């Protein structure tokens, strides 16, 4: 409930929200209105059976609805290993799965209060949903739509979503660097991804040069496998809700296997 309230209060009103327990029948009613994409948000512990999330995800995916899981692991360091089975069950029942590793809070934000760190997790979820929604709905010079999201996320395994902003000198490089720097995501080494979608939003009249764009994109793509499936788009219609930056860079990377998680821990 706290997560739903937070996202709604963050201004993400273009999506429908529901708080679910174990009633798959009620959930089926919710998604029988032509729903094309569903986010299943849940916290997990060592037993996936204690959560309704895998069942709800399976229900949505069986209806050919693009199903994205967003789960958080336990707080104490070392417990991620104990949740591998729960993560795998969610991965098997979703098209893409984003895992937030709460155990990393101690490493990267040791001096922050717990309520601040809890807000960080909510921020990541809100950023993920909002970024995907904007990619689908924004009209740009090179436009992307829901079919591109499907191509990137359908049956793709583990996923990473990031957003960064840049201004002034090296604005594109700085925005890309910020987007890739998401220490709480379990899959952080995105250069092992098999699929990639990124989207650039420019403020009007900020004079983004073709050479500037090409150099930044070449530097980024050179770090991925040459056979990666990728698509991209950009808009010069401004950056929604952020007028203080020149450019916004959004990235979705998918195709990480569970072996990546096991090797990470």
Protein backbone atom coordinates (compact mmCIF):
# COMPACT_ATOMS: atom_id res chain seq x y z
CA UNK A 1 0.00 0.00 0.00
CA UNK A 2 2.84 2.42 0.83
CA UNK A 3 4.39 1.82 -2.58
CA UNK A 4 1.11 2.47 -4.38
CA UNK A 5 0.52 5.69 -2.43
CA UNK A 6 4.07 6.85 -3.10
CA UNK A 7 3.81 6.30 -6.85
CA UNK A 8 0.46 8.05 -7.06
CA UNK A 9 1.75 10.99 -5.04
CA UNK A 10 4.78 11.15 -7.36
CA UNK A 11 2.44 12.17 -10.16
CA UNK A 12 2.19 8.85 -12.00
CA UNK A 13 -1.54 8.97 -12.64
CA UNK A 14 -1.68 7.47 -16.13
CA UNK A 15 -1.64 3.89 -14.83
CA UNK A 16 -4.12 1.85 -12.79
CA UNK A 17 -3.15 0.62 -9.32
CA UNK A 18 -4.29 -2.37 -7.30
CA UNK A 19 -3.23 -3.89 -3.99
CA UNK A 20 -3.51 -7.69 -4.29
CA UNK A 21 -3.23 -10.65 -1.92
CA UNK A 22 -3.96 -14.23 -3.04
CA UNK A 23 -7.10 -13.87 -5.10
CA UNK A 24 -6.16 -14.68 -8.68
CA UNK A 25 -9.84 -14.51 -9.64
CA UNK A 26 -10.12 -10.87 -8.62
CA UNK A 27 -6.83 -10.15 -10.33
CA UNK A 28 -8.08 -11.72 -13.56
CA UNK A 29 -11.06 -9.35 -13.47
CA UNK A 30 -8.70 -6.40 -13.09
CA UNK A 31 -6.69 -7.29 -16.18
CA UNK A 32 -9.57 -8.38 -18.41
CA UNK A 33 -10.18 -4.85 -19.71
CA UNK A 34 -7.64 -4.96 -22.53
CA UNK A 35 -4.61 -4.49 -20.30
CA UNK A 36 -1.39 -4.82 -22.32
CA UNK A 37 1.25 -4.47 -19.60
CA UNK A 38 1.37 -5.26 -15.89
CA UNK A 39 3.92 -4.48 -13.17
CA UNK A 40 3.93 -6.98 -10.30
CA UNK A 41 5.58 -5.34 -7.27
CA UNK A 42 6.52 -7.39 -4.22
CA UNK A 43 9.06 -7.88 -1.44
CA UNK A 44 10.45 -11.39 -1.10
CA UNK A 45 12.09 -13.46 1.60
CA UNK A 46 13.52 -16.96 1.49
CA UNK A 47 10.18 -18.51 0.53
CA UNK A 48 8.44 -17.41 -2.65
CA UNK A 49 5.45 -19.45 -1.56
CA UNK A 50 4.65 -16.78 1.03
CA UNK A 51 3.97 -14.27 -1.73
CA UNK A 52 1.14 -13.99 -4.21
CA UNK A 53 3.44 -12.31 -6.73
CA UNK A 54 4.48 -15.41 -8.76
CA UNK A 55 0.86 -16.55 -9.06
CA UNK A 56 -0.34 -13.13 -10.19
CA UNK A 57 2.53 -12.86 -12.65
CA UNK A 58 1.75 -16.27 -14.09
CA UNK A 59 -1.91 -15.30 -14.49
CA UNK A 60 -1.03 -12.13 -16.40
CA UNK A 61 1.62 -13.75 -18.59
CA UNK A 62 -0.73 -16.60 -19.52
CA UNK A 63 -3.02 -13.98 -21.04
CA UNK A 64 -0.15 -12.72 -23.21
CA UNK A 65 0.09 -9.51 -21.18
CA UNK A 66 3.61 -8.08 -20.98
CA UNK A 67 4.46 -8.89 -17.36
CA UNK A 68 7.26 -7.07 -15.56
CA UNK A 69 8.23 -8.10 -12.05
CA UNK A 70 9.72 -5.63 -9.59
CA UNK A 71 10.87 -7.23 -6.36
CA UNK A 72 13.02 -6.23 -3.40
CA UNK A 73 15.26 -8.60 -1.47
CA UNK A 74 15.75 -8.74 2.32
CA UNK A 75 17.71 -5.99 4.02
CA UNK A 76 20.42 -7.99 5.80
CA UNK A 77 23.63 -8.59 3.80
CA UNK A 78 24.09 -12.13 2.56
CA UNK A 79 20.38 -12.96 2.45
CA UNK A 80 20.16 -12.47 -1.31
CA UNK A 81 21.75 -15.90 -1.77
CA UNK A 82 18.95 -17.38 0.34
CA UNK A 83 16.32 -15.87 -1.98
CA UNK A 84 17.67 -17.30 -5.25
CA UNK A 85 14.82 -19.79 -5.51
CA UNK A 86 12.25 -17.04 -4.93
CA UNK A 87 13.89 -14.85 -7.56
CA UNK A 88 13.95 -17.76 -10.01
CA UNK A 89 10.24 -18.45 -9.48
CA UNK A 90 9.43 -14.82 -10.26
CA UNK A 91 11.74 -14.86 -13.26
CA UNK A 92 10.01 -17.94 -14.66
CA UNK A 93 6.60 -16.28 -14.42
CA UNK A 94 7.45 -12.83 -15.78
CA UNK A 95 8.71 -11.48 -19.07
CA UNK A 96 11.25 -9.22 -17.36
CA UNK A 97 12.30 -9.11 -13.72
CA UNK A 98 13.90 -6.16 -11.96
CA UNK A 99 15.43 -6.99 -8.58
CA UNK A 100 16.34 -4.33 -6.02
CA UNK A 101 19.01 -5.57 -3.63
CA UNK A 102 18.23 -3.95 -0.28
CA UNK A 103 21.39 -5.48 1.18
CA UNK A 104 23.35 -2.89 -0.83
CA UNK A 105 21.85 -0.06 1.25
CA UNK A 106 24.43 -0.65 3.98
CA UNK A 107 27.28 -0.56 1.46
CA UNK A 108 26.32 2.53 -0.52
CA UNK A 109 24.25 4.54 1.97
CA UNK A 110 25.50 3.53 5.44
CA UNK A 111 24.79 6.89 7.08
CA UNK A 112 21.24 7.39 5.80
CA UNK A 113 18.16 6.89 7.94
CA UNK A 114 16.04 3.87 7.10
CA UNK A 115 13.09 5.98 5.97
CA UNK A 116 15.34 7.78 3.48
CA UNK A 117 16.68 4.51 2.14
CA UNK A 118 13.15 3.12 1.88
CA UNK A 119 12.26 6.12 -0.24
CA UNK A 120 15.17 5.29 -2.55
CA UNK A 121 13.52 1.98 -3.40
CA UNK A 122 10.20 3.70 -4.07
CA UNK A 123 12.03 6.21 -6.28
CA UNK A 124 13.53 3.42 -8.39
CA UNK A 125 10.13 1.84 -8.94
CA UNK A 126 8.53 5.18 -9.82
CA UNK A 127 11.41 5.95 -12.19
CA UNK A 128 11.02 2.57 -13.89
CA UNK A 129 7.29 2.88 -14.52
CA UNK A 130 7.49 6.52 -15.55
CA UNK A 131 10.39 5.97 -17.94
CA UNK A 132 8.67 3.11 -19.74
CA UNK A 133 5.45 5.11 -19.96
CA UNK A 134 7.29 8.12 -21.42
CA UNK A 135 9.09 6.01 -24.01
CA UNK A 136 5.74 4.68 -25.18
CA UNK A 137 3.86 7.98 -25.23
CA UNK A 138 6.39 10.69 -26.14
CA UNK A 139 6.37 11.81 -29.75
CA UNK A 140 9.87 12.41 -31.00
CA UNK A 141 12.16 12.71 -33.98
CA UNK A 142 12.75 8.97 -33.71
CA UNK A 143 9.62 7.67 -32.01
CA UNK A 144 9.37 4.44 -30.03
CA UNK A 145 6.15 2.72 -28.99
CA UNK A 146 4.76 -0.19 -27.02
CA UNK A 147 5.93 -2.70 -29.63
CA UNK A 148 9.52 -1.62 -28.96
CA UNK A 149 9.03 -2.21 -25.24
CA UNK A 150 7.66 -5.67 -26.05
CA UNK A 151 10.65 -6.45 -28.27
CA UNK A 152 13.04 -5.46 -25.49
CA UNK A 153 11.26 -6.99 -22.49
CA UNK A 154 9.18 -9.95 -23.73
CA UNK A 155 10.58 -13.25 -22.40
CA UNK A 156 13.85 -11.49 -21.65
CA UNK A 157 14.78 -12.64 -18.12
CA UNK A 158 16.47 -10.25 -15.70
CA UNK A 159 16.33 -6.53 -16.46
CA UNK A 160 17.90 -3.17 -15.62
CA UNK A 161 16.25 0.25 -15.99
CA UNK A 162 18.11 3.50 -15.45
CA UNK A 163 17.67 7.24 -15.95
CA UNK A 164 20.22 10.04 -15.97
CA UNK A 165 20.30 13.80 -16.55
CA UNK A 166 23.00 16.09 -17.90
CA UNK A 167 23.65 19.77 -18.52
CA UNK A 168 26.44 21.90 -19.91
CA UNK A 169 29.74 20.39 -20.98
CA UNK A 170 29.74 16.60 -21.44
CA UNK A 171 26.00 16.56 -20.79
CA UNK A 172 25.31 13.40 -22.77
CA UNK A 173 28.18 11.46 -21.22
CA UNK A 174 27.13 12.61 -17.75
CA UNK A 175 23.50 11.61 -18.35
CA UNK A 176 24.56 8.17 -19.58
CA UNK A 177 26.91 7.69 -16.63
CA UNK A 178 24.17 8.60 -14.17
CA UNK A 179 21.70 6.24 -15.84
CA UNK A 180 24.12 3.33 -15.58
CA UNK A 181 24.92 4.08 -11.92
CA UNK A 182 22.12 2.35 -10.01
CA UNK A 183 23.82 0.59 -7.09
CA UNK A 184 20.67 -0.98 -5.66
CA UNK A 185 19.81 -2.96 -8.78
CA UNK A 186 20.95 -6.56 -8.57
CA UNK A 187 21.90 -6.59 -12.28
CA UNK A 188 24.29 -3.65 -12.52
CA UNK A 189 26.82 -4.78 -15.13
CA UNK A 190 24.49 -4.02 -18.00
CA UNK A 191 27.12 -4.69 -20.64
CA UNK A 192 26.24 -8.38 -20.34
CA UNK A 193 22.73 -7.61 -21.59
CA UNK A 194 21.28 -9.27 -24.69
CA UNK A 195 18.73 -6.55 -25.54
CA UNK A 196 18.86 -2.80 -25.18
CA UNK A 197 16.54 0.16 -25.62
CA UNK A 198 17.49 3.73 -24.86
CA UNK A 199 15.74 7.03 -25.31
CA UNK A 200 17.04 10.61 -25.28
CA UNK A 201 14.91 13.62 -24.40
CA UNK A 202 16.33 17.09 -25.11
CA UNK A 203 15.22 20.47 -23.92
CA UNK A 204 14.26 22.70 -26.82
CA UNK A 205 16.88 25.10 -28.14
CA UNK A 206 19.79 23.43 -26.31
CA UNK A 207 21.69 22.93 -29.57
CA UNK A 208 22.46 19.21 -29.46
CA UNK A 209 24.88 18.59 -32.32
CA UNK A 210 24.88 15.47 -34.48
CA UNK A 211 28.59 14.91 -33.76
CA UNK A 212 27.96 15.20 -30.01
CA UNK A 213 25.19 12.63 -30.20
CA UNK A 214 27.13 10.22 -32.40
CA UNK A 215 30.22 10.30 -30.20
CA UNK A 216 28.26 9.61 -27.02
CA UNK A 217 26.29 6.77 -28.62
CA UNK A 218 29.39 5.21 -30.17
CA UNK A 219 31.16 5.29 -26.81
CA UNK A 220 28.19 3.60 -25.16
CA UNK A 221 27.49 0.91 -27.77
CA UNK A 222 31.17 -0.03 -28.08
CA UNK A 223 30.92 -1.50 -24.57
CA UNK A 224 28.22 -3.99 -25.57
CA UNK A 225 28.46 -7.17 -27.58
CA UNK A 226 28.31 -6.40 -31.29
CA UNK A 227 25.39 -8.83 -31.67
CA UNK A 228 23.18 -7.10 -29.09
CA UNK A 229 19.60 -6.42 -30.16
CA UNK A 230 19.06 -2.71 -29.60
CA UNK A 231 16.81 0.16 -30.58
CA UNK A 232 16.72 3.82 -29.64
CA UNK A 233 14.81 7.02 -30.06
CA UNK A 234 14.95 10.70 -29.21
CA UNK A 235 12.74 13.72 -28.79
CA UNK A 236 13.49 17.44 -28.72
CA UNK A 237 10.12 18.28 -27.16
CA UNK A 238 11.57 18.88 -23.72
CA UNK A 239 12.04 16.79 -20.60
CA UNK A 240 8.83 16.11 -18.69
CA UNK A 241 8.84 17.76 -15.25
CA UNK A 242 12.59 18.56 -15.39
CA UNK A 243 13.43 21.93 -16.91
CA UNK A 244 16.80 22.39 -15.21
CA UNK A 245 18.70 19.87 -17.38
CA UNK A 246 19.62 19.80 -21.04
CA UNK A 247 19.14 16.09 -21.66
CA UNK A 248 17.54 13.00 -20.13
CA UNK A 249 18.81 9.51 -20.94
CA UNK A 250 16.62 6.47 -20.26
CA UNK A 251 17.85 2.91 -20.73
CA UNK A 252 16.29 -0.55 -20.53
CA UNK A 253 18.72 -3.49 -20.64
CA UNK A 254 17.48 -7.07 -20.51
CA UNK A 255 18.57 -10.65 -21.06
CA UNK A 256 20.62 -11.34 -17.93
CA UNK A 257 20.37 -14.98 -16.88
CA UNK A 258 19.99 -16.19 -13.29
CA UNK A 259 23.57 -17.48 -13.48
CA UNK A 260 24.63 -13.83 -13.47
CA UNK A 261 23.02 -13.38 -10.03
CA UNK A 262 24.58 -16.55 -8.66
CA UNK A 263 27.99 -15.46 -9.85
CA UNK A 264 27.50 -12.00 -8.36
CA UNK A 265 26.91 -13.33 -4.85
